[in-house]
C-alpha atoms as a PDB file:
ATOM      1  CA  UNK A   1     168.131 286.088  57.057  1.00  0.00           C
ATOM      2  CA  UNK A   2     165.617 288.854  57.572  1.00  0.00           C
ATOM      3  CA  UNK A   3     164.004 290.391  60.574  1.00  0.00           C
ATOM      4  CA  UNK A   4     161.187 292.947  60.558  1.00  0.00           C
ATOM      5  CA  UNK A   5     159.659 295.127  63.223  1.00  0.00           C
ATOM      6  CA  UNK A   6     156.322 296.862  62.768  1.00  0.00           C
ATOM      7  CA  UNK A   7     156.942 299.579  65.360  1.00  0.00           C
ATOM      8  CA  UNK A   8     156.554 303.061  63.803  1.00  0.00           C
ATOM      9  CA  UNK A   9     159.503 305.464  64.077  1.00  0.00           C
ATOM     10  CA  UNK A  10     159.052 308.567  66.195  1.00  0.00           C
ATOM     11  CA  UNK A  11     158.812 311.968  64.517  1.00  0.00           C
ATOM     12  CA  UNK A  12     156.922 310.692  61.456  1.00  0.00           C
ATOM     13  CA  UNK A  13     153.535 312.013  60.461  1.00  0.00           C
ATOM     14  CA  UNK A  14     150.581 309.776  61.216  1.00  0.00           C
ATOM     15  CA  UNK A  15     149.600 309.573  57.529  1.00  0.00           C
ATOM     16  CA  UNK A  16     153.116 308.383  56.574  1.00  0.00           C
ATOM     17  CA  UNK A  17     153.926 305.424  58.838  1.00  0.00           C
ATOM     18  CA  UNK A  18     157.585 304.381  58.741  1.00  0.00           C
ATOM     19  CA  UNK A  19     158.430 301.051  60.273  1.00  0.00           C
ATOM     20  CA  UNK A  20     161.590 299.912  61.978  1.00  0.00           C
ATOM     21  CA  UNK A  21     164.451 298.528  60.003  1.00  0.00           C
ATOM     22  CA  UNK A  22     164.321 295.244  58.164  1.00  0.00           C
ATOM     23  CA  UNK A  23     167.606 293.474  58.756  1.00  0.00           C
ATOM     24  CA  UNK A  24     169.518 291.271  56.293  1.00  0.00           C
ATOM     25  CA  UNK A  25     172.670 289.335  57.184  1.00  0.00           C
ATOM     26  CA  UNK A  26     174.352 286.036  56.388  1.00  0.00           C
ATOM     27  CA  UNK A  27     173.604 283.438  59.068  1.00  0.00           C
ATOM     28  CA  UNK A  28     176.416 281.054  57.961  1.00  0.00           C
ATOM     29  CA  UNK A  29     178.891 283.930  58.262  1.00  0.00           C
ATOM     30  CA  UNK A  30     177.728 284.721  61.815  1.00  0.00           C
ATOM     31  CA  UNK A  31     177.947 281.057  62.820  1.00  0.00           C
ATOM     32  CA  UNK A  32     181.427 280.666  61.297  1.00  0.00           C
ATOM     33  CA  UNK A  33     182.612 283.839  63.033  1.00  0.00           C
ATOM     34  CA  UNK A  34     181.321 282.721  66.406  1.00  0.00           C
ATOM     35  CA  UNK A  35     183.044 279.336  66.023  1.00  0.00           C
ATOM     36  CA  UNK A  36     186.380 280.938  65.028  1.00  0.00           C
ATOM     37  CA  UNK A  37     186.227 283.311  67.989  1.00  0.00           C
ATOM     38  CA  UNK A  38     185.502 280.420  70.351  1.00  0.00           C
ATOM     39  CA  UNK A  39     188.483 278.432  69.029  1.00  0.00           C
ATOM     40  CA  UNK A  40     190.725 281.514  69.164  1.00  0.00           C
ATOM     41  CA  UNK A  41     189.711 282.241  72.756  1.00  0.00           C
ATOM     42  CA  UNK A  42     190.539 278.675  73.784  1.00  0.00           C
ATOM     43  CA  UNK A  43     193.954 278.764  72.068  1.00  0.00           C
ATOM     44  CA  UNK A  44     194.877 282.190  73.454  1.00  0.00           C
ATOM     45  CA  UNK A  45     193.851 281.308  77.013  1.00  0.00           C
ATOM     46  CA  UNK A  46     195.759 278.033  76.791  1.00  0.00           C
ATOM     47  CA  UNK A  47     198.852 279.845  75.514  1.00  0.00           C
ATOM     48  CA  UNK A  48     198.682 282.450  78.292  1.00  0.00           C
ATOM     49  CA  UNK A  49     198.138 279.878  81.052  1.00  0.00           C
ATOM     50  CA  UNK A  50     200.425 277.082  79.837  1.00  0.00           C
ATOM     51  CA  UNK A  51     202.921 278.881  77.628  1.00  0.00           C
ATOM     52  CA  UNK A  52     206.508 279.596  78.624  1.00  0.00           C
ATOM     53  CA  UNK A  53     208.942 282.330  77.764  1.00  0.00           C
ATOM     54  CA  UNK A  54     207.526 284.891  75.322  1.00  0.00           C
ATOM     55  CA  UNK A  55     204.627 282.668  74.255  1.00  0.00           C
ATOM     56  CA  UNK A  56     201.994 284.285  76.541  1.00  0.00           C
ATOM     57  CA  UNK A  57     202.985 287.757  75.351  1.00  0.00           C
ATOM     58  CA  UNK A  58     202.910 286.737  71.711  1.00  0.00           C
ATOM     59  CA  UNK A  59     199.443 285.229  72.213  1.00  0.00           C
ATOM     60  CA  UNK A  60     198.123 288.369  73.893  1.00  0.00           C
ATOM     61  CA  UNK A  61     199.574 290.617  71.202  1.00  0.00           C
ATOM     62  CA  UNK A  62     198.184 288.384  68.436  1.00  0.00           C
ATOM     63  CA  UNK A  63     194.687 288.325  69.942  1.00  0.00           C
ATOM     64  CA  UNK A  64     193.450 291.687  68.575  1.00  0.00           C
ATOM     65  CA  UNK A  65     195.138 291.021  65.227  1.00  0.00           C
ATOM     66  CA  UNK A  66     192.941 287.938  64.819  1.00  0.00           C
ATOM     67  CA  UNK A  67     189.817 288.736  66.831  1.00  0.00           C
ATOM     68  CA  UNK A  68     188.902 292.152  65.441  1.00  0.00           C
ATOM     69  CA  UNK A  69     189.212 291.184  61.753  1.00  0.00           C
ATOM     70  CA  UNK A  70     187.100 288.082  62.405  1.00  0.00           C
ATOM     71  CA  UNK A  71     184.435 290.259  64.021  1.00  0.00           C
ATOM     72  CA  UNK A  72     184.676 292.739  61.140  1.00  0.00           C
ATOM     73  CA  UNK A  73     184.284 290.211  58.335  1.00  0.00           C
ATOM     74  CA  UNK A  74     181.818 287.755  59.896  1.00  0.00           C
ATOM     75  CA  UNK A  75     179.719 289.323  62.662  1.00  0.00           C
ATOM     76  CA  UNK A  76     179.673 293.005  61.723  1.00  0.00           C
ATOM     77  CA  UNK A  77     178.296 293.033  58.121  1.00  0.00           C
ATOM     78  CA  UNK A  78     174.574 293.796  58.001  1.00  0.00           C
ATOM     79  CA  UNK A  79     172.080 295.639  55.837  1.00  0.00           C
ATOM     80  CA  UNK A  80     169.240 297.643  57.391  1.00  0.00           C
ATOM     81  CA  UNK A  81     166.427 299.245  55.431  1.00  0.00           C
ATOM     82  CA  UNK A  82     163.341 301.242  56.256  1.00  0.00           C
ATOM     83  CA  UNK A  83     161.209 303.751  54.354  1.00  0.00           C
ATOM     84  CA  UNK A  84     163.802 306.508  54.733  1.00  0.00           C
ATOM     85  CA  UNK A  85     167.221 305.032  54.065  1.00  0.00           C
ATOM     86  CA  UNK A  86     169.440 302.062  53.431  1.00  0.00           C
ATOM     87  CA  UNK A  87     172.289 301.328  55.846  1.00  0.00           C
ATOM     88  CA  UNK A  88     175.080 299.049  54.627  1.00  0.00           C
ATOM     89  CA  UNK A  89     177.494 298.017  57.359  1.00  0.00           C
ATOM     90  CA  UNK A  90     180.612 296.555  55.779  1.00  0.00           C
ATOM     91  CA  UNK A  91     183.668 295.192  57.658  1.00  0.00           C
ATOM     92  CA  UNK A  92     185.487 298.523  57.903  1.00  0.00           C
ATOM     93  CA  UNK A  93     182.961 301.107  56.758  1.00  0.00           C
ATOM     94  CA  UNK A  94     179.303 302.027  57.160  1.00  0.00           C
ATOM     95  CA  UNK A  95     177.307 303.578  54.319  1.00  0.00           C
ATOM     96  CA  UNK A  96     174.068 305.433  55.069  1.00  0.00           C
ATOM     97  CA  UNK A  97     172.206 306.121  51.823  1.00  0.00           C
ATOM     98  CA  UNK A  98     168.814 307.867  51.773  1.00  0.00           C
ATOM     99  CA  UNK A  99     166.632 306.235  49.140  1.00  0.00           C
ATOM    100  CA  UNK A 100     166.761 309.433  47.113  1.00  0.00           C
ATOM    101  CA  UNK A 101     170.510 308.837  46.608  1.00  0.00           C
ATOM    102  CA  UNK A 102     170.235 305.131  45.737  1.00  0.00           C
ATOM    103  CA  UNK A 103     170.559 304.554  42.007  1.00  0.00           C
ATOM    104  CA  UNK A 104     170.434 300.774  41.861  1.00  0.00           C
ATOM    105  CA  UNK A 105     171.529 297.518  43.463  1.00  0.00           C
ATOM    106  CA  UNK A 106     172.996 294.679  41.426  1.00  0.00           C
ATOM    107  CA  UNK A 107     173.705 291.034  42.230  1.00  0.00           C
ATOM    108  CA  UNK A 108     176.343 289.520  39.954  1.00  0.00           C
ATOM    109  CA  UNK A 109     179.218 287.616  41.503  1.00  0.00           C
ATOM    110  CA  UNK A 110     178.798 289.982  44.453  1.00  0.00           C
ATOM    111  CA  UNK A 111     176.142 292.479  45.522  1.00  0.00           C
ATOM    112  CA  UNK A 112     176.906 296.086  44.645  1.00  0.00           C
ATOM    113  CA  UNK A 113     175.209 299.310  45.700  1.00  0.00           C
ATOM    114  CA  UNK A 114     175.316 302.289  43.346  1.00  0.00           C
ATOM    115  CA  UNK A 115     174.465 305.526  45.140  1.00  0.00           C
ATOM    116  CA  UNK A 116     175.245 309.195  44.513  1.00  0.00           C
ATOM    117  CA  UNK A 117     177.612 308.300  41.673  1.00  0.00           C
ATOM    118  CA  UNK A 118     179.629 305.867  43.800  1.00  0.00           C
ATOM    119  CA  UNK A 119     179.850 302.068  43.996  1.00  0.00           C
ATOM    120  CA  UNK A 120     179.997 300.052  47.207  1.00  0.00           C
ATOM    121  CA  UNK A 121     180.310 296.321  47.866  1.00  0.00           C
ATOM    122  CA  UNK A 122     177.598 294.864  50.117  1.00  0.00           C
ATOM    123  CA  UNK A 123     179.368 292.297  52.307  1.00  0.00           C
ATOM    124  CA  UNK A 124     176.309 291.245  54.303  1.00  0.00           C
ATOM    125  CA  UNK A 125     174.610 289.675  51.260  1.00  0.00           C
ATOM    126  CA  UNK A 126     176.979 287.065  49.799  1.00  0.00           C
ATOM    127  CA  UNK A 127     176.126 285.633  46.399  1.00  0.00           C
ATOM    128  CA  UNK A 128     175.895 281.861  46.098  1.00  0.00           C
ATOM    129  CA  UNK A 129     176.198 280.679  42.490  1.00  0.00           C
ATOM    130  CA  UNK A 130     175.171 277.181  43.573  1.00  0.00           C
ATOM    131  CA  UNK A 131     172.014 278.493  45.244  1.00  0.00           C
ATOM    132  CA  UNK A 132     171.256 280.572  42.152  1.00  0.00           C
ATOM    133  CA  UNK A 133     171.603 277.553  39.876  1.00  0.00           C
ATOM    134  CA  UNK A 134     169.285 275.515  42.091  1.00  0.00           C
ATOM    135  CA  UNK A 135     166.684 278.306  41.994  1.00  0.00           C
ATOM    136  CA  UNK A 136     166.990 278.445  38.196  1.00  0.00           C
ATOM    137  CA  UNK A 137     166.455 274.683  37.930  1.00  0.00           C
ATOM    138  CA  UNK A 138     163.351 274.927  40.122  1.00  0.00           C
ATOM    139  CA  UNK A 139     161.968 277.733  37.991  1.00  0.00           C
ATOM    140  CA  UNK A 140     162.657 275.821  34.759  1.00  0.00           C
ATOM    141  CA  UNK A 141     161.027 272.689  36.175  1.00  0.00           C
ATOM    142  CA  UNK A 142     158.001 274.689  37.293  1.00  0.00           C
ATOM    143  CA  UNK A 143     157.660 276.233  33.844  1.00  0.00           C
ATOM    144  CA  UNK A 144     157.938 272.845  32.166  1.00  0.00           C
ATOM    145  CA  UNK A 145     155.270 271.417  34.458  1.00  0.00           C
ATOM    146  CA  UNK A 146     152.934 274.333  33.846  1.00  0.00           C
ATOM    147  CA  UNK A 147     153.126 275.925  37.310  1.00  0.00           C
ATOM    148  CA  UNK A 148     154.295 279.571  37.266  1.00  0.00           C
ATOM    149  CA  UNK A 149     155.511 279.491  40.896  1.00  0.00           C
ATOM    150  CA  UNK A 150     156.256 276.367  42.916  1.00  0.00           C
ATOM    151  CA  UNK A 151     156.950 276.236  46.600  1.00  0.00           C
ATOM    152  CA  UNK A 152     159.965 274.095  47.318  1.00  0.00           C
ATOM    153  CA  UNK A 153     159.015 270.505  47.975  1.00  0.00           C
ATOM    154  CA  UNK A 154     155.334 271.002  47.092  1.00  0.00           C
ATOM    155  CA  UNK A 155     153.100 271.157  44.043  1.00  0.00           C
ATOM    156  CA  UNK A 156     151.152 274.171  45.317  1.00  0.00           C
ATOM    157  CA  UNK A 157     151.700 277.548  43.596  1.00  0.00           C
ATOM    158  CA  UNK A 158     152.852 280.208  46.005  1.00  0.00           C
ATOM    159  CA  UNK A 159     153.331 283.962  45.613  1.00  0.00           C
ATOM    160  CA  UNK A 160     155.238 285.704  48.414  1.00  0.00           C
ATOM    161  CA  UNK A 161     153.695 288.622  50.271  1.00  0.00           C
ATOM    162  CA  UNK A 162     155.151 292.097  49.737  1.00  0.00           C
ATOM    163  CA  UNK A 163     157.024 291.936  53.055  1.00  0.00           C
ATOM    164  CA  UNK A 164     158.549 288.505  52.353  1.00  0.00           C
ATOM    165  CA  UNK A 165     161.450 287.369  50.239  1.00  0.00           C
ATOM    166  CA  UNK A 166     160.659 285.252  47.202  1.00  0.00           C
ATOM    167  CA  UNK A 167     161.356 281.667  48.323  1.00  0.00           C
ATOM    168  CA  UNK A 168     161.754 280.558  44.696  1.00  0.00           C
ATOM    169  CA  UNK A 169     164.868 282.663  44.105  1.00  0.00           C
ATOM    170  CA  UNK A 170     168.398 282.594  45.471  1.00  0.00           C
ATOM    171  CA  UNK A 171     168.545 284.475  48.770  1.00  0.00           C
ATOM    172  CA  UNK A 172     170.901 287.199  47.526  1.00  0.00           C
ATOM    173  CA  UNK A 173     168.808 287.806  44.393  1.00  0.00           C
ATOM    174  CA  UNK A 174     165.600 287.955  46.425  1.00  0.00           C
ATOM    175  CA  UNK A 175     167.084 290.453  48.884  1.00  0.00           C
ATOM    176  CA  UNK A 176     168.426 292.676  46.095  1.00  0.00           C
ATOM    177  CA  UNK A 177     165.070 292.590  44.322  1.00  0.00           C
ATOM    178  CA  UNK A 178     163.267 293.526  47.545  1.00  0.00           C
ATOM    179  CA  UNK A 179     165.671 296.400  48.246  1.00  0.00           C
ATOM    180  CA  UNK A 180     165.444 297.629  44.659  1.00  0.00           C
ATOM    181  CA  UNK A 181     161.640 297.695  44.887  1.00  0.00           C
ATOM    182  CA  UNK A 182     161.906 299.568  48.171  1.00  0.00           C
ATOM    183  CA  UNK A 183     164.286 302.104  46.598  1.00  0.00           C
ATOM    184  CA  UNK A 184     161.916 302.760  43.698  1.00  0.00           C
ATOM    185  CA  UNK A 185     158.940 303.039  46.030  1.00  0.00           C
ATOM    186  CA  UNK A 186     160.556 305.508  48.438  1.00  0.00           C
ATOM    187  CA  UNK A 187     162.952 307.506  46.221  1.00  0.00           C
ATOM    188  CA  UNK A 188     160.546 310.399  45.716  1.00  0.00           C
ATOM    189  CA  UNK A 189     159.565 310.878  49.349  1.00  0.00           C
ATOM    190  CA  UNK A 190     160.721 313.975  51.189  1.00  0.00           C
ATOM    191  CA  UNK A 191     161.612 311.816  54.206  1.00  0.00           C
ATOM    192  CA  UNK A 192     163.992 309.777  51.990  1.00  0.00           C
ATOM    193  CA  UNK A 193     166.138 312.747  50.965  1.00  0.00           C
ATOM    194  CA  UNK A 194     169.501 313.795  52.374  1.00  0.00           C
ATOM    195  CA  UNK A 195     173.208 313.247  51.819  1.00  0.00           C
ATOM    196  CA  UNK A 196     175.060 309.998  51.438  1.00  0.00           C
ATOM    197  CA  UNK A 197     177.254 309.362  54.503  1.00  0.00           C
ATOM    198  CA  UNK A 198     180.203 307.019  54.922  1.00  0.00           C
ATOM    199  CA  UNK A 199     182.088 306.428  58.165  1.00  0.00           C
ATOM    200  CA  UNK A 200     185.075 304.254  58.983  1.00  0.00           C
ATOM    201  CA  UNK A 201     184.895 301.716  61.796  1.00  0.00           C
ATOM    202  CA  UNK A 202     187.811 302.862  63.922  1.00  0.00           C
ATOM    203  CA  UNK A 203     186.983 300.557  66.834  1.00  0.00           C
ATOM    204  CA  UNK A 204     187.973 297.716  64.468  1.00  0.00           C
ATOM    205  CA  UNK A 205     190.858 299.422  62.660  1.00  0.00           C
ATOM    206  CA  UNK A 206     192.672 300.992  65.630  1.00  0.00           C
ATOM    207  CA  UNK A 207     192.910 297.886  67.890  1.00  0.00           C
ATOM    208  CA  UNK A 208     193.989 295.739  64.931  1.00  0.00           C
ATOM    209  CA  UNK A 209     196.831 298.111  64.039  1.00  0.00           C
ATOM    210  CA  UNK A 210     197.820 298.470  67.690  1.00  0.00           C
ATOM    211  CA  UNK A 211     197.862 294.704  68.115  1.00  0.00           C
ATOM    212  CA  UNK A 212     199.925 294.274  64.940  1.00  0.00           C
ATOM    213  CA  UNK A 213     202.469 296.808  66.226  1.00  0.00           C
ATOM    214  CA  UNK A 214     202.606 295.066  69.592  1.00  0.00           C
ATOM    215  CA  UNK A 215     203.014 291.661  67.943  1.00  0.00           C
ATOM    216  CA  UNK A 216     205.906 292.871  65.797  1.00  0.00           C
ATOM    217  CA  UNK A 217     207.556 294.434  68.847  1.00  0.00           C
ATOM    218  CA  UNK A 218     207.209 291.277  70.949  1.00  0.00           C
ATOM    219  CA  UNK A 219     208.564 289.036  68.203  1.00  0.00           C
ATOM    220  CA  UNK A 220     211.451 291.419  67.521  1.00  0.00           C
ATOM    221  CA  UNK A 221     212.338 291.444  71.220  1.00  0.00           C
ATOM    222  CA  UNK A 222     212.580 287.664  71.498  1.00  0.00           C
END
């Protein structure tokens, strides 16, 4: 899934327009996370209201142990990119890489970012081997039929615009290709220089550890 905003950033020269971030994230992951949180909320509330003995306390202590990891691994991952830098928000860490520090992005069995001599997994762009195989079959069929690019479900050749993902490729491969092109286009700009930054997501880590400690204490006390 991608979102784009054509609003220029403040503080950028008029002859070098920089647009707001393009956003990439997995929609199925967000939907699955929202459903799991809804089910968890129902079970926890039911345990607190209807449970007896230590059950309500166990449910309350277990809530952060379940809820925060679900948020981290389903709702939190996202990739943002503009003309200055690439931001990769993983479950427990955020990587801010100016394009000048980005070496390459690769999509194998997972998407990997190589920047400033380091390697990072990109959780927000899951690789689907099935989707990749389907895209390969479409491309082979198009080549056999003499059409260089076929739009899915039509016989009309289609070439995506520069600001669109290629609809004839697997989503993860199309996103990586787009980001790689953006890295090569912006790497030499002065506005794309700076240091690679990584920060841990303590608002996920700390409550999870605190909840785990509370859960162990409650269970040990029963």
